[in-house]
Amino acid sequence: MWTCALCNRSFRNQNQLHSCTNDGFEGVFGKNTPEIIEICSTFIQLAHENELIRISPLRNSILFAAKNNFCAIKPRKNHVDIEFLLDDEINEFPIYKTQKLHGNKYAHYVKVAALQEIDARLIEWFTISYKTNAGLAAS
């Protein structure tokens, strides 16, 4: 594991190419509504429950990583875009789009506009995405 001295982000590879940002969470949230910030905070809290998950706030998103990035949340004006990776393609609500990446990896996209839209299923997908990325059994 290598940590960039400028932005303090951790990476799998030594001197990995990346975009440094030191804006922190304040830079990501900008002028978002309290509801949008609370939606993002829910995922940040989930990640904090597991010390192996690295959280990287960038200019317009927050990345979650174990070995590699497995989830990104992007606060928008009226909703939060959530992107996560799974080994199997799931085509059910609230997933509005999937994209085959490489091998057996699929990106899944969900829009969350209200805190109550974060249900047990969405949290389960986040957890499975993490466990798969970390090489743990996704039970």
C-alpha atoms as a PDB file:
ATOM      1  CA  MET A   1       0.000   0.000   0.000  1.00  0.00           C
ATOM      2  CA  TRP A   2       1.330   3.445  -0.922  1.00  0.00           C
ATOM      3  CA  THR A   3       0.095   6.803   0.426  1.00  0.00           C
ATOM      4  CA  CYS A   4       0.500   9.995  -1.588  1.00  0.00           C
ATOM      5  CA  ALA A   5       2.337  12.620   0.464  1.00  0.00           C
ATOM      6  CA  LEU A   6       0.348  15.453  -1.150  1.00  0.00           C
ATOM      7  CA  CYS A   7      -3.259  14.276  -0.807  1.00  0.00           C
ATOM      8  CA  ASN A   8      -2.858  11.531   1.814  1.00  0.00           C
ATOM      9  CA  ARG A   9      -4.833   9.019  -0.294  1.00  0.00           C
ATOM     10  CA  SER A  10      -3.791   5.355  -0.160  1.00  0.00           C
ATOM     11  CA  PHE A  11      -3.255   3.285  -3.275  1.00  0.00           C
ATOM     12  CA  ARG A  12      -2.464  -0.306  -4.094  1.00  0.00           C
ATOM     13  CA  ASN A  13       0.534   0.538  -6.310  1.00  0.00           C
ATOM     14  CA  GLN A  14       3.621   2.615  -5.568  1.00  0.00           C
ATOM     15  CA  ASN A  15       3.478   6.108  -7.174  1.00  0.00           C
ATOM     16  CA  GLN A  16       0.100   5.330  -8.746  1.00  0.00           C
ATOM     17  CA  LEU A  17      -1.134   7.950 -11.184  1.00  0.00           C
ATOM     18  CA  HIS A  18      -4.037   9.903  -9.679  1.00  0.00           C
ATOM     19  CA  SER A  19      -5.492  13.361  -9.279  1.00  0.00           C
ATOM     20  CA  CYS A  20      -4.553  14.928  -5.959  1.00  0.00           C
ATOM     21  CA  THR A  21      -7.214  16.864  -4.126  1.00  0.00           C
ATOM     22  CA  ASN A  22      -7.181  18.297  -0.635  1.00  0.00           C
ATOM     23  CA  ASP A  23     -10.708  19.708  -0.587  1.00  0.00           C
ATOM     24  CA  GLY A  24     -11.971  17.159   1.938  1.00  0.00           C
ATOM     25  CA  PHE A  25     -15.667  16.541   2.401  1.00  0.00           C
ATOM     26  CA  GLU A  26     -16.449  20.266   2.407  1.00  0.00           C
ATOM     27  CA  GLY A  27     -15.223  20.495  -1.174  1.00  0.00           C
ATOM     28  CA  VAL A  28     -17.368  17.557  -2.265  1.00  0.00           C
ATOM     29  CA  PHE A  29     -20.585  18.801  -0.705  1.00  0.00           C
ATOM     30  CA  GLY A  30     -20.302  22.436  -1.740  1.00  0.00           C
ATOM     31  CA  LYS A  31     -23.800  23.867  -1.606  1.00  0.00           C
ATOM     32  CA  ASN A  32     -25.721  20.585  -1.316  1.00  0.00           C
ATOM     33  CA  THR A  33     -28.893  20.380   0.728  1.00  0.00           C
ATOM     34  CA  PRO A  34     -28.814  18.788   4.194  1.00  0.00           C
ATOM     35  CA  GLU A  35     -30.701  15.767   2.775  1.00  0.00           C
ATOM     36  CA  ILE A  36     -28.047  15.161   0.090  1.00  0.00           C
ATOM     37  CA  ILE A  37     -25.289  15.472   2.702  1.00  0.00           C
ATOM     38  CA  GLU A  38     -27.140  13.035   4.991  1.00  0.00           C
ATOM     39  CA  ILE A  39     -27.467  10.480   2.175  1.00  0.00           C
ATOM     40  CA  CYS A  40     -23.710  10.673   1.569  1.00  0.00           C
ATOM     41  CA  SER A  41     -23.005  10.551   5.303  1.00  0.00           C
ATOM     42  CA  THR A  42     -24.930   7.282   5.572  1.00  0.00           C
ATOM     43  CA  PHE A  43     -22.473   5.589   3.203  1.00  0.00           C
ATOM     44  CA  ILE A  44     -19.489   7.220   4.892  1.00  0.00           C
ATOM     45  CA  GLN A  45     -20.740   5.841   8.227  1.00  0.00           C
ATOM     46  CA  LEU A  46     -21.108   2.372   6.714  1.00  0.00           C
ATOM     47  CA  ALA A  47     -17.529   2.550   5.500  1.00  0.00           C
ATOM     48  CA  HIS A  48     -16.257   3.784   8.882  1.00  0.00           C
ATOM     49  CA  GLU A  49     -17.704   0.637  10.466  1.00  0.00           C
ATOM     50  CA  ASN A  50     -15.034  -1.286   8.573  1.00  0.00           C
ATOM     51  CA  GLU A  51     -11.502  -0.015   9.094  1.00  0.00           C
ATOM     52  CA  LEU A  52     -10.311  -1.732   5.911  1.00  0.00           C
ATOM     53  CA  ILE A  53     -12.341   0.576   3.664  1.00  0.00           C
ATOM     54  CA  ARG A  54     -10.474   3.644   2.450  1.00  0.00           C
ATOM     55  CA  ILE A  55     -12.566   6.754   1.837  1.00  0.00           C
ATOM     56  CA  SER A  56     -11.302   9.373  -0.620  1.00  0.00           C
ATOM     57  CA  PRO A  57     -13.188  12.651  -1.011  1.00  0.00           C
ATOM     58  CA  LEU A  58     -12.520  14.157  -4.440  1.00  0.00           C
ATOM     59  CA  ARG A  59     -13.852  17.339  -6.037  1.00  0.00           C
ATOM     60  CA  ASN A  60     -17.204  15.916  -7.113  1.00  0.00           C
ATOM     61  CA  SER A  61     -17.374  12.444  -5.582  1.00  0.00           C
ATOM     62  CA  ILE A  62     -16.371  10.200  -2.727  1.00  0.00           C
ATOM     63  CA  LEU A  63     -14.575   6.959  -3.575  1.00  0.00           C
ATOM     64  CA  PHE A  64     -14.621   3.840  -1.425  1.00  0.00           C
ATOM     65  CA  ALA A  65     -11.847   1.273  -1.830  1.00  0.00           C
ATOM     66  CA  ALA A  66     -10.563  -1.957  -0.345  1.00  0.00           C
ATOM     67  CA  LYS A  67      -8.004  -3.348  -2.792  1.00  0.00           C
ATOM     68  CA  ASN A  68      -9.408  -1.121  -5.538  1.00  0.00           C
ATOM     69  CA  ASN A  69     -12.299   1.312  -5.818  1.00  0.00           C
ATOM     70  CA  PHE A  70     -15.590  -0.514  -5.427  1.00  0.00           C
ATOM     71  CA  CYS A  71     -18.074   2.327  -4.964  1.00  0.00           C
ATOM     72  CA  ALA A  72     -18.429   6.013  -5.787  1.00  0.00           C
ATOM     73  CA  ILE A  73     -21.046   8.415  -4.536  1.00  0.00           C
ATOM     74  CA  LYS A  74     -21.581  11.658  -6.383  1.00  0.00           C
ATOM     75  CA  PRO A  75     -23.696  14.377  -4.784  1.00  0.00           C
ATOM     76  CA  ARG A  76     -25.836  16.254  -7.291  1.00  0.00           C
ATOM     77  CA  LYS A  77     -28.310  19.103  -6.846  1.00  0.00           C
ATOM     78  CA  ASN A  78     -31.410  16.924  -6.266  1.00  0.00           C
ATOM     79  CA  HIS A  79     -30.015  13.411  -5.747  1.00  0.00           C
ATOM     80  CA  VAL A  80     -26.912  11.310  -5.143  1.00  0.00           C
ATOM     81  CA  ASP A  81     -25.548   9.059  -7.885  1.00  0.00           C
ATOM     82  CA  ILE A  82     -24.246   5.803  -6.440  1.00  0.00           C
ATOM     83  CA  GLU A  83     -22.051   3.485  -8.508  1.00  0.00           C
ATOM     84  CA  PHE A  84     -20.885   0.123  -7.208  1.00  0.00           C
ATOM     85  CA  LEU A  85     -19.255  -2.993  -8.653  1.00  0.00           C
ATOM     86  CA  LEU A  86     -20.616  -6.520  -8.419  1.00  0.00           C
ATOM     87  CA  ASP A  87     -19.632  -9.815 -10.016  1.00  0.00           C
ATOM     88  CA  ASP A  88     -23.181 -10.435 -11.233  1.00  0.00           C
ATOM     89  CA  GLU A  89     -25.438  -8.141 -13.201  1.00  0.00           C
ATOM     90  CA  ILE A  90     -28.570  -7.136 -11.300  1.00  0.00           C
ATOM     91  CA  ASN A  91     -31.418  -5.548 -13.233  1.00  0.00           C
ATOM     92  CA  GLU A  92     -33.940  -4.569 -10.612  1.00  0.00           C
ATOM     93  CA  PHE A  93     -35.211  -1.355  -9.105  1.00  0.00           C
ATOM     94  CA  PRO A  94     -33.660   0.941  -7.919  1.00  0.00           C
ATOM     95  CA  ILE A  95     -30.773   0.105 -10.274  1.00  0.00           C
ATOM     96  CA  TYR A  96     -31.416   2.156 -13.413  1.00  0.00           C
ATOM     97  CA  LYS A  97     -28.356   1.104 -15.428  1.00  0.00           C
ATOM     98  CA  THR A  98     -25.646  -1.550 -15.506  1.00  0.00           C
ATOM     99  CA  GLN A  99     -22.456  -1.688 -17.493  1.00  0.00           C
ATOM    100  CA  LYS A 100     -20.167  -4.669 -18.094  1.00  0.00           C
ATOM    101  CA  LEU A 101     -16.625  -3.600 -17.328  1.00  0.00           C
ATOM    102  CA  HIS A 102     -14.076  -6.394 -17.527  1.00  0.00           C
ATOM    103  CA  GLY A 103     -14.154 -10.098 -16.812  1.00  0.00           C
ATOM    104  CA  ASN A 104     -17.188 -10.667 -14.630  1.00  0.00           C
ATOM    105  CA  LYS A 105     -17.412  -7.141 -13.171  1.00  0.00           C
ATOM    106  CA  TYR A 106     -20.523  -5.038 -13.638  1.00  0.00           C
ATOM    107  CA  ALA A 107     -20.993  -1.422 -12.635  1.00  0.00           C
ATOM    108  CA  HIS A 108     -24.446  -0.719 -11.186  1.00  0.00           C
ATOM    109  CA  TYR A 109     -25.984   2.758 -10.991  1.00  0.00           C
ATOM    110  CA  VAL A 110     -28.597   3.986  -8.504  1.00  0.00           C
ATOM    111  CA  LYS A 111     -30.028   7.468  -7.890  1.00  0.00           C
ATOM    112  CA  VAL A 112     -31.040   8.306  -4.319  1.00  0.00           C
ATOM    113  CA  ALA A 113     -33.065  11.479  -3.771  1.00  0.00           C
ATOM    114  CA  ALA A 114     -34.293  10.888  -0.206  1.00  0.00           C
ATOM    115  CA  LEU A 115     -32.781   9.295   2.872  1.00  0.00           C
ATOM    116  CA  GLN A 116     -35.619   6.757   3.122  1.00  0.00           C
ATOM    117  CA  GLU A 117     -34.582   5.341  -0.272  1.00  0.00           C
ATOM    118  CA  ILE A 118     -31.516   3.811   1.372  1.00  0.00           C
ATOM    119  CA  ASP A 119     -32.929   0.403   2.217  1.00  0.00           C
ATOM    120  CA  ALA A 120     -31.483  -2.908   3.394  1.00  0.00           C
ATOM    121  CA  ARG A 121     -31.035  -4.099  -0.201  1.00  0.00           C
ATOM    122  CA  LEU A 122     -28.918  -1.073  -1.210  1.00  0.00           C
ATOM    123  CA  ILE A 123     -26.797  -1.468   1.928  1.00  0.00           C
ATOM    124  CA  GLU A 124     -26.408  -5.172   1.134  1.00  0.00           C
ATOM    125  CA  TRP A 125     -25.189  -4.372  -2.400  1.00  0.00           C
ATOM    126  CA  PHE A 126     -22.668  -1.880  -0.950  1.00  0.00           C
ATOM    127  CA  THR A 127     -21.451  -4.567   1.496  1.00  0.00           C
ATOM    128  CA  ILE A 128     -21.217  -7.285  -1.163  1.00  0.00           C
ATOM    129  CA  SER A 129     -19.349  -4.896  -3.442  1.00  0.00           C
ATOM    130  CA  TYR A 130     -16.835  -4.201  -0.655  1.00  0.00           C
ATOM    131  CA  LYS A 131     -16.414  -7.862   0.316  1.00  0.00           C
ATOM    132  CA  THR A 132     -15.947  -8.960  -3.292  1.00  0.00           C
ATOM    133  CA  ASN A 133     -13.351  -6.233  -3.861  1.00  0.00           C
ATOM    134  CA  ALA A 134     -11.526  -7.106  -0.627  1.00  0.00           C
ATOM    135  CA  GLY A 135     -11.426 -10.798  -1.551  1.00  0.00           C
ATOM    136  CA  LEU A 136     -13.731 -11.785   1.304  1.00  0.00           C
ATOM    137  CA  ALA A 137     -16.627 -14.215   1.076  1.00  0.00           C
ATOM    138  CA  ALA A 138     -19.681 -12.142   0.140  1.00  0.00           C
ATOM    139  CA  SER A 139     -22.185 -13.993   2.296  1.00  0.00           C
END
